[in-house]
């Protein structure tokens, strides 16, 4: 029984997660030649404050990146 664990930031809609589950299951079934009923997908959501990129909380990182892109566009 294949088990796939997806770690992602909280906040996506139920419809988006449903689509992810469907596509992840399809990828595993075609890659491993197993029936969909044997595939388990676990979505683990985390708060943005529990995730960092380049030493910054993700919100700070995104803000700095957006500011840098604005400066490049000028």
PDB file of N, CA and C in Angstrom:
ATOM      1  N   UNK A   1       0.843  -1.167   0.000  1.00  0.00           N
ATOM      2  CA  UNK A   1       0.000   0.000   0.000  1.00  0.00           C
ATOM      3  C   UNK A   1       0.897   1.241   0.000  1.00  0.00           C
ATOM      4  N   UNK A   2       0.979   1.946  -1.109  1.00  0.00           N
ATOM      5  CA  UNK A   2       1.771   3.175  -1.156  1.00  0.00           C
ATOM      6  C   UNK A   2       1.113   4.288  -0.334  1.00  0.00           C
ATOM      7  N   UNK A   3       1.944   5.023   0.395  1.00  0.00           N
ATOM      8  CA  UNK A   3       1.473   6.174   1.175  1.00  0.00           C
ATOM      9  C   UNK A   3       2.278   7.386   0.737  1.00  0.00           C
ATOM     10  N   UNK A   4       1.582   8.434   0.345  1.00  0.00           N
ATOM     11  CA  UNK A   4       2.210   9.688  -0.076  1.00  0.00           C
ATOM     12  C   UNK A   4       1.855  10.746   0.960  1.00  0.00           C
ATOM     13  N   UNK A   5       2.859  11.468   1.445  1.00  0.00           N
ATOM     14  CA  UNK A   5       2.618  12.531   2.406  1.00  0.00           C
ATOM     15  C   UNK A   5       2.958  13.866   1.746  1.00  0.00           C
ATOM     16  N   UNK A   6       2.000  14.773   1.752  1.00  0.00           N
ATOM     17  CA  UNK A   6       2.169  16.099   1.162  1.00  0.00           C
ATOM     18  C   UNK A   6       2.175  17.118   2.293  1.00  0.00           C
ATOM     19  N   UNK A   7       3.265  17.834   2.452  1.00  0.00           N
ATOM     20  CA  UNK A   7       3.350  18.923   3.420  1.00  0.00           C
ATOM     21  C   UNK A   7       3.140  20.231   2.677  1.00  0.00           C
ATOM     22  N   UNK A   8       2.203  21.051   3.160  1.00  0.00           N
ATOM     23  CA  UNK A   8       1.955  22.325   2.493  1.00  0.00           C
ATOM     24  C   UNK A   8       1.396  23.321   3.490  1.00  0.00           C
ATOM     25  N   UNK A   9       1.483  24.573   3.108  1.00  0.00           N
ATOM     26  CA  UNK A   9       0.937  25.636   3.945  1.00  0.00           C
ATOM     27  C   UNK A   9      -0.585  25.562   3.949  1.00  0.00           C
ATOM     28  N   UNK A  10      -1.172  25.859   5.076  1.00  0.00           N
ATOM     29  CA  UNK A  10      -2.627  25.868   5.212  1.00  0.00           C
ATOM     30  C   UNK A  10      -3.221  26.996   4.384  1.00  0.00           C
ATOM     31  N   UNK A  11      -4.489  26.819   4.023  1.00  0.00           N
ATOM     32  CA  UNK A  11      -5.198  27.904   3.368  1.00  0.00           C
ATOM     33  C   UNK A  11      -5.786  27.569   2.008  1.00  0.00           C
ATOM     34  N   UNK A  12      -5.466  26.420   1.476  1.00  0.00           N
ATOM     35  CA  UNK A  12      -6.037  26.065   0.175  1.00  0.00           C
ATOM     36  C   UNK A  12      -7.461  25.542   0.359  1.00  0.00           C
ATOM     37  N   UNK A  13      -8.264  25.694  -0.667  1.00  0.00           N
ATOM     38  CA  UNK A  13      -9.669  25.295  -0.588  1.00  0.00           C
ATOM     39  C   UNK A  13      -9.816  23.773  -0.597  1.00  0.00           C
ATOM     40  N   UNK A  14     -10.992  23.326  -0.160  1.00  0.00           N
ATOM     41  CA  UNK A  14     -11.292  21.890  -0.180  1.00  0.00           C
ATOM     42  C   UNK A  14     -11.256  21.366  -1.614  1.00  0.00           C
ATOM     43  N   UNK A  15     -11.734  22.162  -2.566  1.00  0.00           N
ATOM     44  CA  UNK A  15     -11.724  21.741  -3.969  1.00  0.00           C
ATOM     45  C   UNK A  15     -10.295  21.555  -4.483  1.00  0.00           C
ATOM     46  N   UNK A  16      -9.403  22.442  -4.094  1.00  0.00           N
ATOM     47  CA  UNK A  16      -8.005  22.333  -4.510  1.00  0.00           C
ATOM     48  C   UNK A  16      -7.372  21.080  -3.924  1.00  0.00           C
ATOM     49  N   UNK A  17      -7.655  20.802  -2.665  1.00  0.00           N
ATOM     50  CA  UNK A  17      -7.101  19.596  -2.024  1.00  0.00           C
ATOM     51  C   UNK A  17      -7.697  18.333  -2.636  1.00  0.00           C
ATOM     52  N   UNK A  18      -8.971  18.364  -2.980  1.00  0.00           N
ATOM     53  CA  UNK A  18      -9.612  17.229  -3.632  1.00  0.00           C
ATOM     54  C   UNK A  18      -8.932  16.933  -4.974  1.00  0.00           C
ATOM     55  N   UNK A  19      -8.640  17.990  -5.738  1.00  0.00           N
ATOM     56  CA  UNK A  19      -7.953  17.818  -7.025  1.00  0.00           C
ATOM     57  C   UNK A  19      -6.547  17.249  -6.819  1.00  0.00           C
ATOM     58  N   UNK A  20      -5.862  17.715  -5.789  1.00  0.00           N
ATOM     59  CA  UNK A  20      -4.529  17.201  -5.471  1.00  0.00           C
ATOM     60  C   UNK A  20      -4.593  15.708  -5.154  1.00  0.00           C
ATOM     61  N   UNK A  21      -5.550  15.309  -4.327  1.00  0.00           N
ATOM     62  CA  UNK A  21      -5.697  13.900  -3.973  1.00  0.00           C
ATOM     63  C   UNK A  21      -5.917  13.042  -5.221  1.00  0.00           C
ATOM     64  N   UNK A  22      -6.757  13.517  -6.112  1.00  0.00           N
ATOM     65  CA  UNK A  22      -7.054  12.777  -7.347  1.00  0.00           C
ATOM     66  C   UNK A  22      -5.812  12.637  -8.218  1.00  0.00           C
ATOM     67  N   UNK A  23      -5.080  13.735  -8.396  1.00  0.00           N
ATOM     68  CA  UNK A  23      -3.902  13.714  -9.266  1.00  0.00           C
ATOM     69  C   UNK A  23      -2.748  12.925  -8.649  1.00  0.00           C
ATOM     70  N   UNK A  24      -2.574  13.035  -7.343  1.00  0.00           N
ATOM     71  CA  UNK A  24      -1.510  12.260  -6.678  1.00  0.00           C
ATOM     72  C   UNK A  24      -1.805  10.768  -6.790  1.00  0.00           C
ATOM     73  N   UNK A  25      -3.065  10.396  -6.586  1.00  0.00           N
ATOM     74  CA  UNK A  25      -3.453   8.992  -6.708  1.00  0.00           C
ATOM     75  C   UNK A  25      -3.219   8.487  -8.120  1.00  0.00           C
ATOM     76  N   UNK A  26      -3.590   9.273  -9.108  1.00  0.00           N
ATOM     77  CA  UNK A  26      -3.374   8.878 -10.502  1.00  0.00           C
ATOM     78  C   UNK A  26      -1.894   8.701 -10.803  1.00  0.00           C
ATOM     79  N   UNK A  27      -1.058   9.597 -10.287  1.00  0.00           N
ATOM     80  CA  UNK A  27       0.380   9.496 -10.531  1.00  0.00           C
ATOM     81  C   UNK A  27       0.956   8.231  -9.906  1.00  0.00           C
ATOM     82  N   UNK A  28       0.518   7.909  -8.709  1.00  0.00           N
ATOM     83  CA  UNK A  28       1.034   6.717  -8.029  1.00  0.00           C
ATOM     84  C   UNK A  28       0.543   5.446  -8.723  1.00  0.00           C
ATOM     85  N   UNK A  29      -0.734   5.421  -9.098  1.00  0.00           N
ATOM     86  CA  UNK A  29      -1.252   4.215  -9.749  1.00  0.00           C
ATOM     87  C   UNK A  29      -0.551   3.945 -11.068  1.00  0.00           C
ATOM     88  N   UNK A  30      -0.280   4.986 -11.839  1.00  0.00           N
ATOM     89  CA  UNK A  30       0.396   4.777 -13.119  1.00  0.00           C
ATOM     90  C   UNK A  30       1.884   4.478 -12.945  1.00  0.00           C
ATOM     91  N   UNK A  31       2.503   5.059 -11.951  1.00  0.00           N
ATOM     92  CA  UNK A  31       3.940   4.838 -11.725  1.00  0.00           C
ATOM     93  C   UNK A  31       4.234   3.466 -11.135  1.00  0.00           C
ATOM     94  N   UNK A  32       3.374   3.026 -10.230  1.00  0.00           N
ATOM     95  CA  UNK A  32       3.641   1.776  -9.503  1.00  0.00           C
ATOM     96  C   UNK A  32       2.764   0.618  -9.948  1.00  0.00           C
ATOM     97  N   UNK A  33       1.848   0.879 -10.879  1.00  0.00           N
ATOM     98  CA  UNK A  33       0.935  -0.144 -11.384  1.00  0.00           C
ATOM     99  C   UNK A  33       0.172  -0.812 -10.241  1.00  0.00           C
ATOM    100  N   UNK A  34      -0.474   0.030  -9.438  1.00  0.00           N
ATOM    101  CA  UNK A  34      -1.294  -0.451  -8.325  1.00  0.00           C
ATOM    102  C   UNK A  34      -2.700   0.116  -8.488  1.00  0.00           C
ATOM    103  N   UNK A  35      -3.699  -0.525  -7.884  1.00  0.00           N
ATOM    104  CA  UNK A  35      -5.062   0.013  -7.978  1.00  0.00           C
ATOM    105  C   UNK A  35      -5.231   1.254  -7.104  1.00  0.00           C
ATOM    106  N   UNK A  36      -6.117   2.155  -7.500  1.00  0.00           N
ATOM    107  CA  UNK A  36      -6.337   3.382  -6.718  1.00  0.00           C
ATOM    108  C   UNK A  36      -6.721   3.096  -5.268  1.00  0.00           C
ATOM    109  N   UNK A  37      -7.423   2.002  -5.038  1.00  0.00           N
ATOM    110  CA  UNK A  37      -7.869   1.670  -3.677  1.00  0.00           C
ATOM    111  C   UNK A  37      -6.712   1.386  -2.724  1.00  0.00           C
ATOM    112  N   UNK A  38      -5.544   1.098  -3.286  1.00  0.00           N
ATOM    113  CA  UNK A  38      -4.397   0.796  -2.421  1.00  0.00           C
ATOM    114  C   UNK A  38      -3.576   2.041  -2.075  1.00  0.00           C
ATOM    115  N   UNK A  39      -3.887   3.167  -2.697  1.00  0.00           N
ATOM    116  CA  UNK A  39      -3.103   4.388  -2.519  1.00  0.00           C
ATOM    117  C   UNK A  39      -3.677   5.227  -1.379  1.00  0.00           C
ATOM    118  N   UNK A  40      -2.792   5.682  -0.506  1.00  0.00           N
ATOM    119  CA  UNK A  40      -3.167   6.594   0.575  1.00  0.00           C
ATOM    120  C   UNK A  40      -2.400   7.895   0.383  1.00  0.00           C
ATOM    121  N   UNK A  41      -3.099   9.020   0.477  1.00  0.00           N
ATOM    122  CA  UNK A  41      -2.463  10.333   0.390  1.00  0.00           C
ATOM    123  C   UNK A  41      -2.814  11.094   1.670  1.00  0.00           C
ATOM    124  N   UNK A  42      -1.794  11.572   2.348  1.00  0.00           N
ATOM    125  CA  UNK A  42      -1.981  12.323   3.589  1.00  0.00           C
ATOM    126  C   UNK A  42      -1.545  13.760   3.341  1.00  0.00           C
ATOM    127  N   UNK A  43      -2.453  14.685   3.574  1.00  0.00           N
ATOM    128  CA  UNK A  43      -2.122  16.106   3.450  1.00  0.00           C
ATOM    129  C   UNK A  43      -1.871  16.644   4.858  1.00  0.00           C
ATOM    130  N   UNK A  44      -0.677  17.151   5.069  1.00  0.00           N
ATOM    131  CA  UNK A  44      -0.333  17.764   6.351  1.00  0.00           C
ATOM    132  C   UNK A  44      -0.194  19.262   6.123  1.00  0.00           C
ATOM    133  N   UNK A  45      -1.091  20.020   6.716  1.00  0.00           N
ATOM    134  CA  UNK A  45      -1.056  21.466   6.557  1.00  0.00           C
ATOM    135  C   UNK A  45      -0.362  22.101   7.754  1.00  0.00           C
ATOM    136  N   UNK A  46       0.374  23.160   7.481  1.00  0.00           N
ATOM    137  CA  UNK A  46       1.050  23.876   8.554  1.00  0.00           C
ATOM    138  C   UNK A  46       0.770  25.368   8.423  1.00  0.00           C
ATOM    139  N   UNK A  47       0.784  26.032   9.545  1.00  0.00           N
ATOM    140  CA  UNK A  47       0.604  27.482   9.560  1.00  0.00           C
ATOM    141  C   UNK A  47       1.822  28.145   8.930  1.00  0.00           C
ATOM    142  N   UNK A  48       1.609  29.267   8.286  1.00  0.00           N
ATOM    143  CA  UNK A  48       2.718  29.976   7.634  1.00  0.00           C
ATOM    144  C   UNK A  48       3.828  30.319   8.625  1.00  0.00           C
ATOM    145  N   UNK A  49       3.469  30.564   9.857  1.00  0.00           N
ATOM    146  CA  UNK A  49       4.468  30.889  10.866  1.00  0.00           C
ATOM    147  C   UNK A  49       5.354  29.712  11.253  1.00  0.00           C
ATOM    148  N   UNK A  50       4.991  28.530  10.800  1.00  0.00           N
ATOM    149  CA  UNK A  50       5.768  27.325  11.094  1.00  0.00           C
ATOM    150  C   UNK A  50       6.630  26.898   9.915  1.00  0.00           C
ATOM    151  N   UNK A  51       6.795  27.774   8.934  1.00  0.00           N
ATOM    152  CA  UNK A  51       7.517  27.432   7.719  1.00  0.00           C
ATOM    153  C   UNK A  51       8.425  28.598   7.345  1.00  0.00           C
ATOM    154  N   UNK A  52       9.650  28.295   6.974  1.00  0.00           N
ATOM    155  CA  UNK A  52      10.582  29.351   6.614  1.00  0.00           C
ATOM    156  C   UNK A  52      11.315  29.056   5.321  1.00  0.00           C
ATOM    157  N   UNK A  53      11.743  30.121   4.672  1.00  0.00           N
ATOM    158  CA  UNK A  53      12.547  30.039   3.449  1.00  0.00           C
ATOM    159  C   UNK A  53      13.706  31.019   3.613  1.00  0.00           C
ATOM    160  N   UNK A  54      14.893  30.560   3.359  1.00  0.00           N
ATOM    161  CA  UNK A  54      16.085  31.417   3.416  1.00  0.00           C
ATOM    162  C   UNK A  54      16.225  32.130   4.764  1.00  0.00           C
ATOM    163  N   UNK A  55      15.852  31.442   5.826  1.00  0.00           N
ATOM    164  CA  UNK A  55      16.011  32.002   7.162  1.00  0.00           C
ATOM    165  C   UNK A  55      14.934  32.975   7.596  1.00  0.00           C
ATOM    166  N   UNK A  56      13.875  33.075   6.811  1.00  0.00           N
ATOM    167  CA  UNK A  56      12.785  34.004   7.126  1.00  0.00           C
ATOM    168  C   UNK A  56      11.460  33.264   7.216  1.00  0.00           C
ATOM    169  N   UNK A  57      10.530  33.740   8.051  1.00  0.00           N
ATOM    170  CA  UNK A  57       9.175  33.197   7.979  1.00  0.00           C
ATOM    171  C   UNK A  57       8.647  33.400   6.558  1.00  0.00           C
ATOM    172  N   UNK A  58       7.861  32.464   6.072  1.00  0.00           N
ATOM    173  CA  UNK A  58       7.436  32.497   4.675  1.00  0.00           C
ATOM    174  C   UNK A  58       6.759  33.811   4.293  1.00  0.00           C
ATOM    175  N   UNK A  59       5.968  34.402   5.177  1.00  0.00           N
ATOM    176  CA  UNK A  59       5.311  35.679   4.855  1.00  0.00           C
ATOM    177  C   UNK A  59       6.334  36.794   4.631  1.00  0.00           C
ATOM    178  N   UNK A  60       7.374  36.841   5.468  1.00  0.00           N
ATOM    179  CA  UNK A  60       8.430  37.844   5.288  1.00  0.00           C
ATOM    180  C   UNK A  60       9.184  37.602   3.987  1.00  0.00           C
ATOM    181  N   UNK A  61       9.473  36.341   3.715  1.00  0.00           N
ATOM    182  CA  UNK A  61      10.194  36.008   2.481  1.00  0.00           C
ATOM    183  C   UNK A  61       9.396  36.443   1.250  1.00  0.00           C
ATOM    184  N   UNK A  62       8.116  36.118   1.247  1.00  0.00           N
ATOM    185  CA  UNK A  62       7.268  36.494   0.103  1.00  0.00           C
ATOM    186  C   UNK A  62       7.189  38.007  -0.052  1.00  0.00           C
ATOM    187  N   UNK A  63       7.094  38.715   1.065  1.00  0.00           N
ATOM    188  CA  UNK A  63       7.022  40.177   1.018  1.00  0.00           C
ATOM    189  C   UNK A  63       8.307  40.754   0.424  1.00  0.00           C
ATOM    190  N   UNK A  64       9.454  40.275   0.880  1.00  0.00           N
ATOM    191  CA  UNK A  64      10.739  40.757   0.352  1.00  0.00           C
ATOM    192  C   UNK A  64      10.887  40.433  -1.125  1.00  0.00           C
ATOM    193  N   UNK A  65      10.462  39.244  -1.522  1.00  0.00           N
ATOM    194  CA  UNK A  65      10.554  38.852  -2.928  1.00  0.00           C
ATOM    195  C   UNK A  65       9.670  39.743  -3.794  1.00  0.00           C
ATOM    196  N   UNK A  66       8.456  40.040  -3.317  1.00  0.00           N
ATOM    197  CA  UNK A  66       7.554  40.915  -4.061  1.00  0.00           C
ATOM    198  C   UNK A  66       8.145  42.314  -4.196  1.00  0.00           C
ATOM    199  N   UNK A  67       8.748  42.816  -3.128  1.00  0.00           N
ATOM    200  CA  UNK A  67       9.379  44.141  -3.184  1.00  0.00           C
ATOM    201  C   UNK A  67      10.542  44.145  -4.163  1.00  0.00           C
ATOM    202  N   UNK A  68      11.331  43.097  -4.179  1.00  0.00           N
ATOM    203  CA  UNK A  68      12.466  43.007  -5.103  1.00  0.00           C
ATOM    204  C   UNK A  68      11.984  42.953  -6.553  1.00  0.00           C
ATOM    205  N   UNK A  69      10.889  42.248  -6.797  1.00  0.00           N
ATOM    206  CA  UNK A  69      10.353  42.163  -8.156  1.00  0.00           C
ATOM    207  C   UNK A  69       9.807  43.510  -8.607  1.00  0.00           C
ATOM    208  N   UNK A  70       9.200  44.264  -7.702  1.00  0.00           N
ATOM    209  CA  UNK A  70       8.720  45.602  -8.040  1.00  0.00           C
ATOM    210  C   UNK A  70       9.867  46.508  -8.435  1.00  0.00           C
ATOM    211  N   UNK A  71      10.980  46.417  -7.699  1.00  0.00           N
ATOM    212  CA  UNK A  71      12.155  47.235  -8.005  1.00  0.00           C
ATOM    213  C   UNK A  71      12.731  46.887  -9.363  1.00  0.00           C
ATOM    214  N   UNK A  72      12.730  45.613  -9.715  1.00  0.00           N
ATOM    215  CA  UNK A  72      13.240  45.182 -11.022  1.00  0.00           C
ATOM    216  C   UNK A  72      12.366  45.660 -12.139  1.00  0.00           C
ATOM    217  N   UNK A  73      11.066  45.745 -11.898  1.00  0.00           N
ATOM    218  CA  UNK A  73      10.113  46.147 -12.929  1.00  0.00           C
ATOM    219  C   UNK A  73      10.218  47.628 -13.268  1.00  0.00           C
ATOM    220  N   UNK A  74      10.793  48.423 -12.371  1.00  0.00           N
ATOM    221  CA  UNK A  74      10.886  49.878 -12.583  1.00  0.00           C
ATOM    222  C   UNK A  74      11.983  50.231 -13.537  1.00  0.00           C
TER     223      UNK A  74
END
